[in-house]
């Protein structure tokens, strides 16, 4: 699509949006971001299936840090 075609398309969209405002027609529909129709998983669903190690939040070894930094 060349620049002129883009401008023509944008102009048509602008006219359509402006006419929607004048006619009290909805332009957007708002929905809750949290409501996706799925039921929330209960707490403790995987209890006992794995153990978080005591050193989970310990600093990473130097060779792993270097790999992340591309060294």
N, C-alpha and C. Protein backbone atom coordinates (compact mmCIF):
# COMPACT_ATOMS: atom_id res chain seq x y z
N UNK A 1 0.86 -1.16 0.00
CA UNK A 1 0.00 0.00 0.00
C UNK A 1 0.91 1.23 0.00
N UNK A 2 0.68 2.11 -0.94
CA UNK A 2 1.51 3.31 -1.00
C UNK A 2 0.96 4.39 -0.06
N UNK A 3 1.69 5.47 0.05
CA UNK A 3 1.36 6.54 1.00
C UNK A 3 -0.02 7.16 0.70
N UNK A 4 -0.33 7.37 -0.56
CA UNK A 4 -1.61 7.96 -0.93
C UNK A 4 -2.77 7.05 -0.51
N UNK A 5 -2.62 5.75 -0.74
CA UNK A 5 -3.66 4.80 -0.35
C UNK A 5 -3.85 4.78 1.17
N UNK A 6 -2.73 4.87 1.90
CA UNK A 6 -2.82 4.91 3.36
C UNK A 6 -3.58 6.15 3.82
N UNK A 7 -3.27 7.29 3.22
CA UNK A 7 -3.96 8.53 3.58
C UNK A 7 -5.45 8.46 3.28
N UNK A 8 -5.80 7.89 2.14
CA UNK A 8 -7.21 7.75 1.77
C UNK A 8 -7.94 6.83 2.76
N UNK A 9 -7.28 5.73 3.12
CA UNK A 9 -7.90 4.78 4.06
C UNK A 9 -8.07 5.44 5.43
N UNK A 10 -7.05 6.16 5.89
CA UNK A 10 -7.14 6.84 7.19
C UNK A 10 -8.22 7.91 7.16
N UNK A 11 -8.36 8.59 6.04
CA UNK A 11 -9.38 9.62 5.91
C UNK A 11 -10.77 9.01 6.02
N UNK A 12 -10.97 7.86 5.37
CA UNK A 12 -12.27 7.18 5.44
C UNK A 12 -12.57 6.75 6.88
N UNK A 13 -11.54 6.24 7.57
CA UNK A 13 -11.74 5.82 8.96
C UNK A 13 -12.08 7.02 9.84
N UNK A 14 -11.42 8.13 9.61
CA UNK A 14 -11.67 9.35 10.38
C UNK A 14 -13.12 9.80 10.20
N UNK A 15 -13.60 9.79 8.97
CA UNK A 15 -14.98 10.20 8.69
C UNK A 15 -15.95 9.24 9.39
N UNK A 16 -15.65 7.95 9.34
CA UNK A 16 -16.52 6.95 9.97
C UNK A 16 -16.57 7.16 11.49
N UNK A 17 -15.42 7.40 12.10
CA UNK A 17 -15.38 7.61 13.55
C UNK A 17 -16.10 8.89 13.94
N UNK A 18 -15.86 9.95 13.19
CA UNK A 18 -16.53 11.22 13.49
C UNK A 18 -18.05 11.09 13.37
N UNK A 19 -18.52 10.37 12.36
CA UNK A 19 -19.96 10.21 12.20
C UNK A 19 -20.54 9.35 13.32
N UNK A 20 -19.75 8.41 13.83
CA UNK A 20 -20.20 7.59 14.96
C UNK A 20 -20.41 8.44 16.20
N UNK A 21 -19.50 9.39 16.43
CA UNK A 21 -19.65 10.27 17.59
C UNK A 21 -20.90 11.13 17.46
N UNK A 22 -21.17 11.58 16.27
CA UNK A 22 -22.34 12.43 16.06
C UNK A 22 -23.64 11.65 16.21
N UNK A 23 -23.63 10.38 15.88
CA UNK A 23 -24.86 9.58 15.92
C UNK A 23 -25.04 8.83 17.24
N UNK A 24 -24.17 9.07 18.21
CA UNK A 24 -24.23 8.38 19.50
C UNK A 24 -24.08 6.87 19.36
N UNK A 25 -23.43 6.44 18.30
CA UNK A 25 -23.17 5.02 18.08
C UNK A 25 -21.89 4.64 18.83
N UNK A 26 -21.86 3.48 19.46
CA UNK A 26 -20.69 3.04 20.21
C UNK A 26 -19.48 2.88 19.30
N UNK A 27 -18.35 3.36 19.78
CA UNK A 27 -17.10 3.24 19.02
C UNK A 27 -16.27 2.10 19.59
N UNK A 28 -16.32 1.92 20.90
CA UNK A 28 -15.57 0.86 21.55
C UNK A 28 -16.48 0.11 22.51
N UNK A 29 -16.04 -1.07 22.86
CA UNK A 29 -16.74 -1.87 23.85
C UNK A 29 -15.76 -2.16 24.97
N UNK A 30 -16.12 -1.86 26.20
CA UNK A 30 -15.22 -2.12 27.32
C UNK A 30 -15.57 -3.44 27.97
N UNK A 31 -14.52 -4.17 28.34
CA UNK A 31 -14.70 -5.45 29.02
C UNK A 31 -13.68 -5.54 30.15
N UNK A 32 -14.00 -6.31 31.14
CA UNK A 32 -13.08 -6.51 32.24
C UNK A 32 -11.92 -7.38 31.78
N UNK A 33 -10.72 -6.99 32.13
CA UNK A 33 -9.53 -7.77 31.76
C UNK A 33 -9.46 -9.05 32.57
N UNK A 34 -10.09 -9.09 33.72
CA UNK A 34 -10.02 -10.26 34.58
C UNK A 34 -11.07 -11.32 34.23
N UNK A 35 -12.10 -10.95 33.55
CA UNK A 35 -13.17 -11.89 33.25
C UNK A 35 -12.93 -12.55 31.90
N UNK A 36 -12.33 -13.74 31.92
CA UNK A 36 -12.08 -14.44 30.67
C UNK A 36 -12.91 -15.72 30.56
N UNK A 37 -13.86 -15.90 31.47
CA UNK A 37 -14.74 -17.05 31.40
C UNK A 37 -14.19 -18.30 32.05
N UNK A 38 -12.92 -18.27 32.46
CA UNK A 38 -12.31 -19.44 33.09
C UNK A 38 -12.44 -19.34 34.60
N UNK A 39 -12.62 -20.48 35.22
CA UNK A 39 -12.70 -20.51 36.67
C UNK A 39 -11.28 -20.43 37.24
N UNK A 40 -11.10 -19.65 38.30
CA UNK A 40 -9.80 -19.53 38.94
C UNK A 40 -9.40 -20.86 39.57
N UNK A 41 -8.10 -21.15 39.53
CA UNK A 41 -7.59 -22.36 40.16
C UNK A 41 -7.50 -22.15 41.67
N UNK A 42 -7.84 -23.17 42.44
CA UNK A 42 -7.79 -23.02 43.90
C UNK A 42 -6.34 -22.99 44.41
N UNK A 43 -6.14 -22.31 45.56
CA UNK A 43 -4.82 -22.32 46.19
C UNK A 43 -4.48 -23.74 46.62
N UNK A 44 -3.21 -24.09 46.50
CA UNK A 44 -2.76 -25.41 46.93
C UNK A 44 -3.07 -26.51 45.94
N UNK A 45 -3.36 -26.16 44.71
CA UNK A 45 -3.74 -27.16 43.70
C UNK A 45 -2.64 -28.20 43.50
N UNK A 46 -1.39 -27.78 43.52
CA UNK A 46 -0.25 -28.69 43.30
C UNK A 46 0.51 -28.96 44.59
N UNK A 47 -0.13 -28.78 45.72
CA UNK A 47 0.55 -28.97 47.01
C UNK A 47 1.15 -30.37 47.09
N UNK A 48 2.44 -30.41 47.46
CA UNK A 48 3.13 -31.69 47.62
C UNK A 48 3.70 -32.26 46.35
N UNK A 49 3.45 -31.65 45.19
CA UNK A 49 3.95 -32.19 43.93
C UNK A 49 5.39 -31.77 43.64
N UNK A 50 5.84 -30.68 44.24
CA UNK A 50 7.24 -30.26 44.10
C UNK A 50 7.63 -29.44 45.32
N UNK A 51 8.94 -29.33 45.51
CA UNK A 51 9.45 -28.60 46.66
C UNK A 51 10.35 -27.48 46.16
N UNK A 52 10.14 -26.27 46.67
CA UNK A 52 11.00 -25.14 46.32
C UNK A 52 12.25 -25.26 47.20
N UNK A 53 13.44 -25.31 46.57
CA UNK A 53 14.66 -25.46 47.37
C UNK A 53 14.91 -24.25 48.27
N UNK A 54 15.62 -24.47 49.38
CA UNK A 54 15.92 -23.40 50.32
C UNK A 54 16.73 -22.28 49.69
N UNK A 55 17.58 -22.63 48.71
CA UNK A 55 18.44 -21.61 48.08
C UNK A 55 17.83 -21.06 46.78
N UNK A 56 16.52 -21.12 46.67
CA UNK A 56 15.83 -20.67 45.45
C UNK A 56 16.19 -19.25 45.05
N UNK A 57 16.28 -18.36 46.02
CA UNK A 57 16.56 -16.96 45.71
C UNK A 57 18.03 -16.58 45.95
N UNK A 58 18.90 -17.56 46.03
CA UNK A 58 20.33 -17.30 46.20
C UNK A 58 20.90 -16.75 44.89
N UNK A 59 21.98 -15.97 44.97
CA UNK A 59 22.60 -15.44 43.75
C UNK A 59 23.05 -16.58 42.82
N UNK A 60 22.95 -16.35 41.52
CA UNK A 60 23.37 -17.35 40.54
C UNK A 60 24.88 -17.45 40.50
N UNK A 61 25.40 -18.63 40.12
CA UNK A 61 26.85 -18.77 39.95
C UNK A 61 27.36 -17.83 38.85
N UNK A 62 28.63 -17.46 38.94
CA UNK A 62 29.23 -16.50 38.01
C UNK A 62 29.14 -16.97 36.56
N UNK A 63 29.32 -18.27 36.29
CA UNK A 63 29.29 -18.76 34.90
C UNK A 63 27.89 -18.62 34.28
N UNK A 64 26.86 -18.76 35.08
CA UNK A 64 25.50 -18.59 34.57
C UNK A 64 25.21 -17.11 34.31
N UNK A 65 25.63 -16.24 35.23
CA UNK A 65 25.46 -14.80 35.02
C UNK A 65 26.18 -14.35 33.75
N UNK A 66 27.39 -14.87 33.54
CA UNK A 66 28.16 -14.52 32.34
C UNK A 66 27.44 -14.96 31.07
N UNK A 67 26.81 -16.13 31.12
CA UNK A 67 26.08 -16.63 29.94
C UNK A 67 24.91 -15.71 29.61
N UNK A 68 24.21 -15.21 30.62
CA UNK A 68 23.09 -14.29 30.38
C UNK A 68 23.57 -12.97 29.80
N UNK A 69 24.78 -12.57 30.18
CA UNK A 69 25.32 -11.30 29.72
C UNK A 69 26.07 -11.43 28.40
N UNK A 70 26.07 -12.63 27.82
CA UNK A 70 26.70 -12.85 26.52
C UNK A 70 28.21 -12.91 26.58
N UNK A 71 28.75 -13.24 27.71
CA UNK A 71 30.22 -13.31 27.85
C UNK A 71 30.71 -14.73 27.69
